[in-house]
Amino acid sequence: MMKHLPLTDLVPPGRHGRMDGPAGVTLGLVRGLGAAIVNARRTGQPEPAFEHSFGITLPNGPKAASRDGLTAIGIGPRRWLVFCAPATGDELAARLEGAVGGHAALTDQSDAYLVFELSGLHARDALAKMCTLDLDPVAFGPGDAATTSMAFVGVTLWQTDAAPTYRLAVGRSFAPSFLRAFTAGAAQYGLFVEGTGRG
């Protein structure tokens, strides 16, 4: 399916896999995101400062919390991956520095990740083929998050609603490999890819 595609290119937009009927899975590249890691200092208290500035309680554990385009995902003890849209890395860094700079170390990650949004009738089925997480709605629902391996690629994912819709943050250099594996796994459901074209 992808044999003529350069290894460094993302899977192109359009329909892939099963062509009859509506696509069971839609995967779109989310553009215009600033990203940063917030790592609490030993004696810092970023949680109340973050909540005061953004109205978001920083998750204690593998959870995601969002408000007004800002999302914070717990990725370790007092460590969070933060995304903001629309925002550049510099804009997000300035907002975070003003809010929690005295309480946490901040690292711009805007060029490190690509974020994809996954939806559709078979989104959960396609995702379950890629990882060992229990994605049953009872075990993993809106606001839940995890950092795991999919096709030997590290992925941070979180569920944004009950539809279900997911977002997946993938290391930029590994994204082409991840997308090839996902496209192959989702082919049986009919996959529609959007936003991955150049420009």
N, C-alpha and C. Protein backbone atom coordinates (compact mmCIF):
# COMPACT_ATOMS: atom_id res chain seq x y z
N MET A 1 0.82 -1.21 0.00
CA MET A 1 0.00 0.00 0.00
C MET A 1 0.86 1.26 0.00
N MET A 2 1.97 1.23 0.77
CA MET A 2 2.82 2.40 0.92
C MET A 2 4.18 2.20 0.26
N LYS A 3 4.32 1.21 -0.61
CA LYS A 3 5.65 0.85 -1.10
C LYS A 3 6.31 1.95 -1.93
N HIS A 4 5.53 2.83 -2.53
CA HIS A 4 6.12 3.89 -3.35
C HIS A 4 6.31 5.20 -2.57
N LEU A 5 5.98 5.20 -1.29
CA LEU A 5 6.06 6.41 -0.48
C LEU A 5 7.42 6.48 0.21
N PRO A 6 8.15 7.61 0.07
CA PRO A 6 9.42 7.75 0.79
C PRO A 6 9.24 7.51 2.28
N LEU A 7 10.22 6.88 2.90
CA LEU A 7 10.10 6.49 4.30
C LEU A 7 9.93 7.67 5.24
N THR A 8 10.39 8.84 4.82
CA THR A 8 10.29 10.01 5.69
C THR A 8 9.01 10.81 5.49
N ASP A 9 8.15 10.37 4.58
CA ASP A 9 6.90 11.09 4.31
C ASP A 9 5.75 10.52 5.14
N LEU A 10 4.83 11.41 5.54
CA LEU A 10 3.62 10.97 6.19
C LEU A 10 2.70 10.30 5.18
N VAL A 11 1.83 9.42 5.67
CA VAL A 11 0.81 8.83 4.81
C VAL A 11 -0.02 9.97 4.21
N PRO A 12 -0.24 9.97 2.90
CA PRO A 12 -0.94 11.10 2.27
C PRO A 12 -2.41 11.15 2.64
N PRO A 13 -3.01 12.34 2.51
CA PRO A 13 -4.43 12.45 2.79
C PRO A 13 -5.26 11.63 1.81
N GLY A 14 -6.48 11.29 2.25
CA GLY A 14 -7.37 10.54 1.39
C GLY A 14 -7.80 9.24 2.02
N ARG A 15 -8.51 8.46 1.22
CA ARG A 15 -9.07 7.19 1.69
C ARG A 15 -8.04 6.08 1.52
N HIS A 16 -7.95 5.21 2.52
CA HIS A 16 -7.01 4.09 2.50
C HIS A 16 -7.74 2.84 2.98
N GLY A 17 -7.28 1.69 2.47
CA GLY A 17 -7.88 0.43 2.89
C GLY A 17 -9.22 0.20 2.24
N ARG A 18 -10.18 -0.33 2.99
CA ARG A 18 -11.50 -0.65 2.44
C ARG A 18 -12.14 0.60 1.87
N MET A 19 -12.64 0.48 0.64
CA MET A 19 -13.18 1.65 -0.07
C MET A 19 -14.70 1.70 -0.10
N ASP A 20 -15.38 0.60 0.19
CA ASP A 20 -16.83 0.60 0.11
C ASP A 20 -17.43 1.16 1.41
N GLY A 21 -18.50 1.93 1.27
CA GLY A 21 -19.17 2.48 2.42
C GLY A 21 -18.40 3.63 3.05
N PRO A 22 -18.96 4.20 4.11
CA PRO A 22 -18.27 5.31 4.78
C PRO A 22 -17.02 4.83 5.51
N ALA A 23 -16.07 5.72 5.66
CA ALA A 23 -14.85 5.38 6.40
C ALA A 23 -15.20 5.11 7.86
N GLY A 24 -14.66 4.03 8.39
CA GLY A 24 -14.91 3.70 9.79
C GLY A 24 -13.99 4.41 10.75
N VAL A 25 -12.89 4.97 10.22
CA VAL A 25 -11.89 5.64 11.05
C VAL A 25 -11.41 6.90 10.32
N THR A 26 -11.31 8.00 11.03
CA THR A 26 -10.74 9.23 10.49
C THR A 26 -9.56 9.64 11.35
N LEU A 27 -8.45 9.92 10.69
CA LEU A 27 -7.23 10.36 11.39
C LEU A 27 -6.78 11.67 10.79
N GLY A 28 -6.68 12.70 11.61
CA GLY A 28 -6.29 14.02 11.11
C GLY A 28 -5.12 14.59 11.87
N LEU A 29 -4.23 15.26 11.15
CA LEU A 29 -3.11 15.96 11.78
C LEU A 29 -3.62 17.28 12.36
N VAL A 30 -3.33 17.51 13.63
CA VAL A 30 -3.74 18.75 14.30
C VAL A 30 -2.62 19.77 14.16
N ARG A 31 -2.91 20.87 13.51
CA ARG A 31 -1.89 21.89 13.27
C ARG A 31 -2.06 23.07 14.24
N GLY A 32 -1.02 23.89 14.32
CA GLY A 32 -1.10 25.12 15.10
C GLY A 32 -1.01 24.93 16.60
N LEU A 33 -0.32 23.86 17.03
CA LEU A 33 -0.19 23.57 18.46
C LEU A 33 1.17 24.01 19.00
N GLY A 34 1.16 24.66 20.14
CA GLY A 34 2.37 24.83 20.92
C GLY A 34 2.43 23.70 21.93
N ALA A 35 3.62 23.24 22.28
CA ALA A 35 3.76 22.13 23.22
C ALA A 35 4.93 22.39 24.15
N ALA A 36 4.79 21.92 25.38
CA ALA A 36 5.86 22.08 26.37
C ALA A 36 5.72 21.02 27.45
N ILE A 37 6.84 20.68 28.07
CA ILE A 37 6.83 19.83 29.26
C ILE A 37 7.02 20.71 30.48
N VAL A 38 6.16 20.50 31.46
CA VAL A 38 6.24 21.20 32.74
C VAL A 38 6.68 20.19 33.79
N ASN A 39 7.82 20.42 34.38
CA ASN A 39 8.40 19.50 35.36
C ASN A 39 8.56 20.24 36.69
N ALA A 40 7.76 19.84 37.68
CA ALA A 40 7.76 20.56 38.96
C ALA A 40 9.14 20.52 39.61
N ARG A 41 9.57 21.66 40.13
CA ARG A 41 10.82 21.70 40.90
C ARG A 41 10.59 21.03 42.25
N ARG A 42 11.69 20.61 42.88
CA ARG A 42 11.59 19.86 44.13
C ARG A 42 10.72 20.57 45.17
N THR A 43 10.90 21.86 45.30
CA THR A 43 10.12 22.61 46.30
C THR A 43 9.05 23.48 45.65
N GLY A 44 8.84 23.32 44.34
CA GLY A 44 7.87 24.14 43.64
C GLY A 44 6.44 23.67 43.84
N GLN A 45 5.51 24.57 43.62
CA GLN A 45 4.08 24.28 43.73
C GLN A 45 3.38 24.78 42.47
N PRO A 46 3.62 24.11 41.32
CA PRO A 46 3.00 24.59 40.09
C PRO A 46 1.50 24.35 40.02
N GLU A 47 1.00 23.38 40.79
CA GLU A 47 -0.42 23.02 40.67
C GLU A 47 -1.35 24.20 40.99
N PRO A 48 -1.23 24.84 42.16
CA PRO A 48 -2.13 25.97 42.42
C PRO A 48 -1.87 27.16 41.50
N ALA A 49 -0.62 27.38 41.12
CA ALA A 49 -0.31 28.49 40.22
C ALA A 49 -0.92 28.25 38.84
N PHE A 50 -0.86 27.01 38.36
CA PHE A 50 -1.43 26.67 37.05
C PHE A 50 -2.94 26.83 37.08
N GLU A 51 -3.56 26.34 38.15
CA GLU A 51 -5.01 26.45 38.26
C GLU A 51 -5.45 27.91 38.35
N HIS A 52 -4.71 28.71 39.06
CA HIS A 52 -5.05 30.14 39.18
C HIS A 52 -4.96 30.84 37.83
N SER A 53 -3.96 30.49 37.03
CA SER A 53 -3.74 31.17 35.75
C SER A 53 -4.65 30.66 34.64
N PHE A 54 -4.90 29.34 34.62
CA PHE A 54 -5.59 28.75 33.47
C PHE A 54 -6.92 28.08 33.82
N GLY A 55 -7.25 27.99 35.10
CA GLY A 55 -8.50 27.34 35.47
C GLY A 55 -8.49 25.84 35.26
N ILE A 56 -7.30 25.25 35.24
CA ILE A 56 -7.15 23.81 35.02
C ILE A 56 -6.41 23.21 36.21
N THR A 57 -6.97 22.13 36.77
CA THR A 57 -6.28 21.38 37.80
C THR A 57 -5.31 20.42 37.15
N LEU A 58 -4.02 20.58 37.39
CA LEU A 58 -3.04 19.68 36.79
C LEU A 58 -3.31 18.25 37.26
N PRO A 59 -3.44 17.29 36.33
CA PRO A 59 -3.79 15.93 36.71
C PRO A 59 -2.72 15.28 37.59
N ASN A 60 -3.19 14.52 38.56
CA ASN A 60 -2.31 13.72 39.40
C ASN A 60 -2.36 12.29 38.88
N GLY A 61 -1.50 11.96 37.93
CA GLY A 61 -1.53 10.65 37.30
C GLY A 61 -1.85 10.76 35.82
N PRO A 62 -2.07 9.62 35.16
CA PRO A 62 -2.29 9.60 33.70
C PRO A 62 -3.69 10.06 33.31
N LYS A 63 -3.90 11.35 33.38
CA LYS A 63 -5.17 11.97 33.03
C LYS A 63 -4.88 13.19 32.17
N ALA A 64 -5.92 13.68 31.50
CA ALA A 64 -5.82 14.90 30.71
C ALA A 64 -6.91 15.86 31.16
N ALA A 65 -6.55 17.13 31.25
CA ALA A 65 -7.51 18.18 31.62
C ALA A 65 -7.38 19.32 30.62
N SER A 66 -8.52 19.84 30.17
CA SER A 66 -8.51 20.86 29.12
C SER A 66 -9.45 22.01 29.45
N ARG A 67 -9.07 23.18 28.94
CA ARG A 67 -9.94 24.35 29.01
C ARG A 67 -9.40 25.42 28.07
N ASP A 68 -10.31 26.00 27.29
CA ASP A 68 -9.98 27.14 26.44
C ASP A 68 -8.75 26.88 25.56
N GLY A 69 -8.69 25.70 24.96
CA GLY A 69 -7.62 25.39 24.02
C GLY A 69 -6.34 24.89 24.65
N LEU A 70 -6.29 24.84 25.98
CA LEU A 70 -5.09 24.38 26.68
C LEU A 70 -5.37 23.00 27.26
N THR A 71 -4.45 22.07 27.06
CA THR A 71 -4.58 20.71 27.58
C THR A 71 -3.32 20.32 28.33
N ALA A 72 -3.49 19.77 29.53
CA ALA A 72 -2.37 19.28 30.34
C ALA A 72 -2.56 17.78 30.55
N ILE A 73 -1.53 17.00 30.23
CA ILE A 73 -1.58 15.55 30.35
C ILE A 73 -0.52 15.09 31.34
N GLY A 74 -0.93 14.33 32.34
CA GLY A 74 0.03 13.79 33.29
C GLY A 74 0.85 12.68 32.66
N ILE A 75 2.18 12.85 32.63
CA ILE A 75 3.05 11.85 32.00
C ILE A 75 4.07 11.28 32.99
N GLY A 76 3.99 11.69 34.24
CA GLY A 76 4.90 11.19 35.27
C GLY A 76 4.65 11.93 36.55
N PRO A 77 5.31 11.54 37.64
CA PRO A 77 5.11 12.23 38.91
C PRO A 77 5.43 13.72 38.80
N ARG A 78 4.40 14.53 38.94
CA ARG A 78 4.52 16.00 38.89
C ARG A 78 5.21 16.45 37.60
N ARG A 79 4.81 15.81 36.54
CA ARG A 79 5.36 16.10 35.21
C ARG A 79 4.21 16.06 34.22
N TRP A 80 4.11 17.10 33.38
CA TRP A 80 2.97 17.21 32.48
C TRP A 80 3.42 17.63 31.08
N LEU A 81 2.71 17.10 30.11
CA LEU A 81 2.87 17.52 28.72
C LEU A 81 1.70 18.46 28.42
N VAL A 82 2.01 19.67 28.00
CA VAL A 82 0.99 20.70 27.81
C VAL A 82 0.93 21.10 26.34
N PHE A 83 -0.29 21.15 25.81
CA PHE A 83 -0.53 21.62 24.45
C PHE A 83 -1.46 22.82 24.49
N CYS A 84 -1.28 23.72 23.53
CA CYS A 84 -2.15 24.88 23.42
C CYS A 84 -2.39 25.19 21.95
N ALA A 85 -3.66 25.47 21.62
CA ALA A 85 -4.01 25.84 20.25
C ALA A 85 -5.06 26.94 20.28
N PRO A 86 -4.92 27.93 19.39
CA PRO A 86 -3.76 28.11 18.51
C PRO A 86 -2.64 28.81 19.27
N ALA A 87 -1.43 28.35 19.07
CA ALA A 87 -0.29 28.97 19.74
C ALA A 87 1.00 28.48 19.11
N THR A 88 2.00 29.33 19.10
CA THR A 88 3.35 28.90 18.74
C THR A 88 4.04 28.42 20.02
N GLY A 89 5.18 27.79 19.85
CA GLY A 89 5.95 27.37 21.01
C GLY A 89 6.34 28.53 21.89
N ASP A 90 6.75 29.64 21.26
CA ASP A 90 7.16 30.82 22.02
C ASP A 90 5.99 31.42 22.80
N GLU A 91 4.81 31.43 22.18
CA GLU A 91 3.64 31.98 22.87
C GLU A 91 3.26 31.14 24.08
N LEU A 92 3.27 29.81 23.90
CA LEU A 92 2.95 28.94 25.03
C LEU A 92 4.01 29.06 26.12
N ALA A 93 5.27 29.09 25.72
CA ALA A 93 6.35 29.21 26.70
C ALA A 93 6.20 30.47 27.54
N ALA A 94 5.83 31.57 26.90
CA ALA A 94 5.67 32.83 27.62
C ALA A 94 4.51 32.74 28.62
N ARG A 95 3.41 32.11 28.21
CA ARG A 95 2.27 31.96 29.11
C ARG A 95 2.62 31.09 30.30
N LEU A 96 3.31 29.98 30.03
CA LEU A 96 3.69 29.07 31.12
C LEU A 96 4.71 29.70 32.05
N GLU A 97 5.67 30.42 31.48
CA GLU A 97 6.69 31.07 32.30
C GLU A 97 6.04 32.07 33.26
N GLY A 98 5.07 32.81 32.75
CA GLY A 98 4.39 33.78 33.59
C GLY A 98 3.56 33.13 34.68
N ALA A 99 3.06 31.92 34.40
CA ALA A 99 2.18 31.25 35.36
C ALA A 99 2.93 30.41 36.38
N VAL A 100 3.90 29.60 35.92
CA VAL A 100 4.52 28.61 36.81
C VAL A 100 6.04 28.61 36.74
N GLY A 101 6.62 29.62 36.09
CA GLY A 101 8.06 29.62 35.88
C GLY A 101 8.88 29.50 37.14
N GLY A 102 8.37 30.03 38.25
CA GLY A 102 9.11 29.93 39.50
C GLY A 102 8.96 28.60 40.20
N HIS A 103 8.03 27.78 39.70
CA HIS A 103 7.71 26.51 40.37
C HIS A 103 8.11 25.28 39.55
N ALA A 104 8.43 25.46 38.29
CA ALA A 104 8.66 24.31 37.42
C ALA A 104 9.68 24.63 36.34
N ALA A 105 10.37 23.59 35.90
CA ALA A 105 11.24 23.71 34.73
C ALA A 105 10.39 23.51 33.48
N LEU A 106 10.59 24.35 32.48
CA LEU A 106 9.78 24.33 31.27
C LEU A 106 10.67 23.99 30.08
N THR A 107 10.18 23.09 29.23
CA THR A 107 10.92 22.70 28.03
C THR A 107 10.00 22.78 26.83
N ASP A 108 10.34 23.61 25.86
CA ASP A 108 9.55 23.72 24.63
C ASP A 108 9.64 22.42 23.85
N GLN A 109 8.48 21.86 23.50
CA GLN A 109 8.41 20.60 22.75
C GLN A 109 7.65 20.76 21.44
N SER A 110 7.45 21.99 21.00
CA SER A 110 6.59 22.25 19.84
C SER A 110 7.10 21.60 18.57
N ASP A 111 8.42 21.48 18.42
CA ASP A 111 8.98 20.84 17.23
C ASP A 111 9.22 19.35 17.43
N ALA A 112 8.94 18.86 18.62
CA ALA A 112 9.25 17.46 18.93
C ALA A 112 8.11 16.51 18.61
N TYR A 113 6.87 17.02 18.60
CA TYR A 113 5.70 16.15 18.46
C TYR A 113 4.85 16.54 17.26
N LEU A 114 4.19 15.52 16.71
CA LEU A 114 3.03 15.72 15.86
C LEU A 114 1.84 15.13 16.61
N VAL A 115 0.71 15.81 16.54
CA VAL A 115 -0.49 15.36 17.24
C VAL A 115 -1.56 15.01 16.21
N PHE A 116 -2.16 13.84 16.38
CA PHE A 116 -3.20 13.37 15.48
C PHE A 116 -4.50 13.20 16.26
N GLU A 117 -5.61 13.51 15.59
CA GLU A 117 -6.93 13.28 16.19
C GLU A 117 -7.57 12.09 15.50
N LEU A 118 -8.08 11.18 16.30
CA LEU A 118 -8.64 9.91 15.81
C LEU A 118 -10.10 9.83 16.19
N SER A 119 -10.95 9.56 15.21
CA SER A 119 -12.39 9.46 15.47
C SER A 119 -13.01 8.46 14.50
N GLY A 120 -14.31 8.25 14.66
CA GLY A 120 -15.02 7.35 13.78
C GLY A 120 -15.58 6.14 14.51
N LEU A 121 -16.49 5.45 13.84
CA LEU A 121 -17.19 4.30 14.43
C LEU A 121 -16.23 3.24 14.93
N HIS A 122 -15.13 3.04 14.22
CA HIS A 122 -14.18 1.99 14.59
C HIS A 122 -12.86 2.55 15.12
N ALA A 123 -12.89 3.79 15.62
CA ALA A 123 -11.65 4.39 16.15
C ALA A 123 -11.07 3.55 17.28
N ARG A 124 -11.94 3.13 18.21
CA ARG A 124 -11.45 2.34 19.35
C ARG A 124 -10.89 1.00 18.87
N ASP A 125 -11.57 0.37 17.91
CA ASP A 125 -11.11 -0.92 17.40
C ASP A 125 -9.73 -0.79 16.75
N ALA A 126 -9.57 0.25 15.94
CA ALA A 126 -8.29 0.44 15.25
C ALA A 126 -7.17 0.71 16.25
N LEU A 127 -7.47 1.50 17.27
CA LEU A 127 -6.46 1.83 18.28
C LEU A 127 -6.10 0.60 19.10
N ALA A 128 -7.09 -0.22 19.41
CA ALA A 128 -6.85 -1.42 20.21
C ALA A 128 -5.91 -2.40 19.51
N LYS A 129 -5.90 -2.39 18.18
CA LYS A 129 -5.00 -3.26 17.44
C LYS A 129 -3.55 -2.82 17.56
N MET A 130 -3.33 -1.58 17.99
CA MET A 130 -1.99 -1.01 18.02
C MET A 130 -1.31 -1.08 19.38
N CYS A 131 -2.09 -1.34 20.44
CA CYS A 131 -1.50 -1.26 21.78
C CYS A 131 -2.13 -2.28 22.71
N THR A 132 -1.55 -2.42 23.89
CA THR A 132 -2.03 -3.39 24.87
C THR A 132 -2.92 -2.76 25.94
N LEU A 133 -3.25 -1.49 25.79
CA LEU A 133 -4.12 -0.83 26.76
C LEU A 133 -5.53 -1.39 26.70
N ASP A 134 -6.20 -1.42 27.84
CA ASP A 134 -7.61 -1.78 27.89
C ASP A 134 -8.41 -0.52 27.56
N LEU A 135 -8.95 -0.47 26.35
CA LEU A 135 -9.67 0.72 25.90
C LEU A 135 -11.18 0.59 26.04
N ASP A 136 -11.64 -0.46 26.73
CA ASP A 136 -13.06 -0.58 27.02
C ASP A 136 -13.54 0.70 27.72
N PRO A 137 -14.73 1.20 27.36
CA PRO A 137 -15.20 2.46 27.95
C PRO A 137 -15.24 2.45 29.48
N VAL A 138 -15.39 1.28 30.08
CA VAL A 138 -15.40 1.20 31.54
C VAL A 138 -14.00 1.48 32.10
N ALA A 139 -12.97 1.10 31.34
CA ALA A 139 -11.59 1.22 31.83
C ALA A 139 -10.90 2.49 31.35
N PHE A 140 -11.30 3.00 30.18
CA PHE A 140 -10.60 4.14 29.58
C PHE A 140 -11.65 5.02 28.93
N GLY A 141 -11.86 6.20 29.50
CA GLY A 141 -12.90 7.09 29.00
C GLY A 141 -12.40 8.51 28.84
N PRO A 142 -13.31 9.45 28.63
CA PRO A 142 -12.92 10.85 28.46
C PRO A 142 -12.09 11.34 29.65
N GLY A 143 -10.98 11.97 29.34
CA GLY A 143 -10.08 12.46 30.38
C GLY A 143 -8.99 11.50 30.77
N ASP A 144 -9.10 10.24 30.34
CA ASP A 144 -8.04 9.27 30.62
C ASP A 144 -6.90 9.44 29.62
N ALA A 145 -5.69 9.13 30.05
CA ALA A 145 -4.50 9.29 29.21
C ALA A 145 -3.53 8.16 29.51
N ALA A 146 -2.60 7.96 28.60
CA ALA A 146 -1.57 6.94 28.80
C ALA A 146 -0.40 7.25 27.87
N THR A 147 0.77 6.87 28.30
CA THR A 147 1.94 6.87 27.43
C THR A 147 2.33 5.42 27.23
N THR A 148 2.35 4.98 25.98
CA THR A 148 2.53 3.57 25.68
C THR A 148 3.32 3.42 24.39
N SER A 149 3.51 2.18 23.98
CA SER A 149 4.21 1.89 22.73
C SER A 149 3.23 1.34 21.71
N MET A 150 3.30 1.87 20.50
CA MET A 150 2.49 1.39 19.38
C MET A 150 3.42 1.19 18.19
N ALA A 151 3.48 -0.04 17.70
CA ALA A 151 4.37 -0.36 16.58
C ALA A 151 5.80 0.09 16.89
N PHE A 152 6.22 -0.15 18.13
CA PHE A 152 7.58 0.18 18.60
C PHE A 152 7.84 1.69 18.64
N VAL A 153 6.78 2.48 18.66
CA VAL A 153 6.88 3.94 18.73
C VAL A 153 6.20 4.41 20.01
N GLY A 154 6.87 5.27 20.77
CA GLY A 154 6.26 5.84 21.97
C GLY A 154 5.17 6.83 21.61
N VAL A 155 4.00 6.66 22.22
CA VAL A 155 2.84 7.51 21.93
C VAL A 155 2.18 7.92 23.25
N THR A 156 1.86 9.20 23.37
CA THR A 156 1.02 9.66 24.47
C THR A 156 -0.37 9.91 23.90
N LEU A 157 -1.37 9.23 24.46
CA LEU A 157 -2.73 9.37 23.94
C LEU A 157 -3.68 9.74 25.05
N TRP A 158 -4.74 10.43 24.68
CA TRP A 158 -5.79 10.77 25.63
C TRP A 158 -7.12 10.82 24.91
N GLN A 159 -8.18 10.51 25.65
CA GLN A 159 -9.52 10.49 25.07
C GLN A 159 -10.20 11.81 25.39
N THR A 160 -10.75 12.45 24.36
CA THR A 160 -11.31 13.79 24.55
C THR A 160 -12.82 13.81 24.73
N ASP A 161 -13.51 12.76 24.27
CA ASP A 161 -14.97 12.71 24.46
C ASP A 161 -15.43 11.26 24.40
N ALA A 162 -16.74 11.06 24.60
CA ALA A 162 -17.28 9.71 24.68
C ALA A 162 -17.58 9.10 23.32
N ALA A 163 -17.38 9.82 22.24
CA ALA A 163 -17.78 9.35 20.91
C ALA A 163 -17.27 7.95 20.52
N PRO A 164 -16.00 7.54 20.64
CA PRO A 164 -14.91 8.28 21.29
C PRO A 164 -14.04 9.02 20.27
N THR A 165 -13.41 10.08 20.73
CA THR A 165 -12.37 10.77 19.98
C THR A 165 -11.10 10.74 20.82
N TYR A 166 -9.98 10.48 20.14
CA TYR A 166 -8.69 10.41 20.83
C TYR A 166 -7.73 11.40 20.19
N ARG A 167 -6.75 11.80 20.97
CA ARG A 167 -5.60 12.51 20.42
C ARG A 167 -4.34 11.73 20.76
N LEU A 168 -3.41 11.70 19.80
CA LEU A 168 -2.18 10.94 19.95
C LEU A 168 -1.00 11.85 19.64
N ALA A 169 -0.09 11.98 20.58
CA ALA A 169 1.13 12.75 20.39
C ALA A 169 2.27 11.79 20.09
N VAL A 170 2.87 11.97 18.92
CA VAL A 170 3.91 11.06 18.42
C VAL A 170 5.17 11.88 18.13
N GLY A 171 6.32 11.35 18.48
CA GLY A 171 7.56 12.02 18.14
C GLY A 171 7.64 12.28 16.65
N ARG A 172 7.99 13.50 16.28
CA ARG A 172 7.95 13.91 14.88
C ARG A 172 8.73 12.96 13.96
N SER A 173 9.91 12.56 14.37
CA SER A 173 10.73 11.71 13.50
C SER A 173 10.18 10.30 13.36
N PHE A 174 9.33 9.88 14.32
CA PHE A 174 8.76 8.54 14.26
C PHE A 174 7.36 8.52 13.65
N ALA A 175 6.80 9.70 13.38
CA ALA A 175 5.43 9.78 12.89
C ALA A 175 5.20 9.04 11.57
N PRO A 176 6.10 9.14 10.58
CA PRO A 176 5.86 8.39 9.34
C PRO A 176 5.75 6.88 9.57
N SER A 177 6.63 6.33 10.39
CA SER A 177 6.58 4.90 10.70
C SER A 177 5.29 4.54 11.43
N PHE A 178 4.91 5.36 12.40
CA PHE A 178 3.68 5.11 13.13
C PHE A 178 2.47 5.13 12.20
N LEU A 179 2.40 6.13 11.32
CA LEU A 179 1.25 6.25 10.43
C LEU A 179 1.14 5.07 9.47
N ARG A 180 2.26 4.57 9.00
CA ARG A 180 2.22 3.39 8.13
C ARG A 180 1.61 2.20 8.87
N ALA A 181 2.06 1.99 10.09
CA ALA A 181 1.54 0.87 10.87
C ALA A 181 0.06 1.07 11.17
N PHE A 182 -0.33 2.29 11.51
CA PHE A 182 -1.74 2.55 11.82
C PHE A 182 -2.60 2.36 10.58
N THR A 183 -2.13 2.84 9.44
CA THR A 183 -2.89 2.70 8.20
C THR A 183 -3.11 1.23 7.85
N ALA A 184 -2.09 0.42 8.03
CA ALA A 184 -2.24 -1.01 7.77
C ALA A 184 -3.24 -1.64 8.73
N GLY A 185 -3.18 -1.25 10.00
CA GLY A 185 -4.08 -1.83 10.99
C GLY A 185 -5.52 -1.39 10.82
N ALA A 186 -5.74 -0.17 10.34
CA ALA A 186 -7.09 0.37 10.20
C ALA A 186 -7.69 0.11 8.83
N ALA A 187 -6.93 -0.51 7.94
CA ALA A 187 -7.37 -0.70 6.55
C ALA A 187 -8.71 -1.43 6.46
N GLN A 188 -8.93 -2.41 7.32
CA GLN A 188 -10.16 -3.21 7.23
C GLN A 188 -11.41 -2.40 7.52
N TYR A 189 -11.26 -1.27 8.22
CA TYR A 189 -12.41 -0.45 8.58
C TYR A 189 -12.66 0.67 7.57
N GLY A 190 -11.70 0.91 6.68
CA GLY A 190 -11.75 2.07 5.81
C GLY A 190 -11.25 3.28 6.57
N LEU A 191 -10.09 3.79 6.18
CA LEU A 191 -9.45 4.90 6.90
C LEU A 191 -9.42 6.14 6.03
N PHE A 192 -9.84 7.26 6.60
CA PHE A 192 -9.71 8.54 5.91
C PHE A 192 -8.68 9.38 6.66
N VAL A 193 -7.64 9.78 5.94
CA VAL A 193 -6.56 10.58 6.52
C VAL A 193 -6.69 12.01 6.01
N GLU A 194 -6.55 12.98 6.90
CA GLU A 194 -6.65 14.37 6.49
C GLU A 194 -5.59 15.21 7.18
N GLY A 195 -5.15 16.27 6.47
CA GLY A 195 -4.23 17.22 7.05
C GLY A 195 -2.76 16.88 6.94
N THR A 196 -2.43 15.74 6.32
CA THR A 196 -1.02 15.32 6.28
C THR A 196 -0.29 15.78 5.02
N GLY A 197 -0.99 16.47 4.13
CA GLY A 197 -0.33 16.97 2.93
C GLY A 197 0.65 18.07 3.25
N ARG A 198 1.55 18.33 2.35
CA ARG A 198 2.55 19.39 2.56
C ARG A 198 1.88 20.75 2.53
N GLY A 199 2.46 21.67 3.33
CA GLY A 199 1.92 23.02 3.35
C GLY A 199 1.04 23.29 4.54
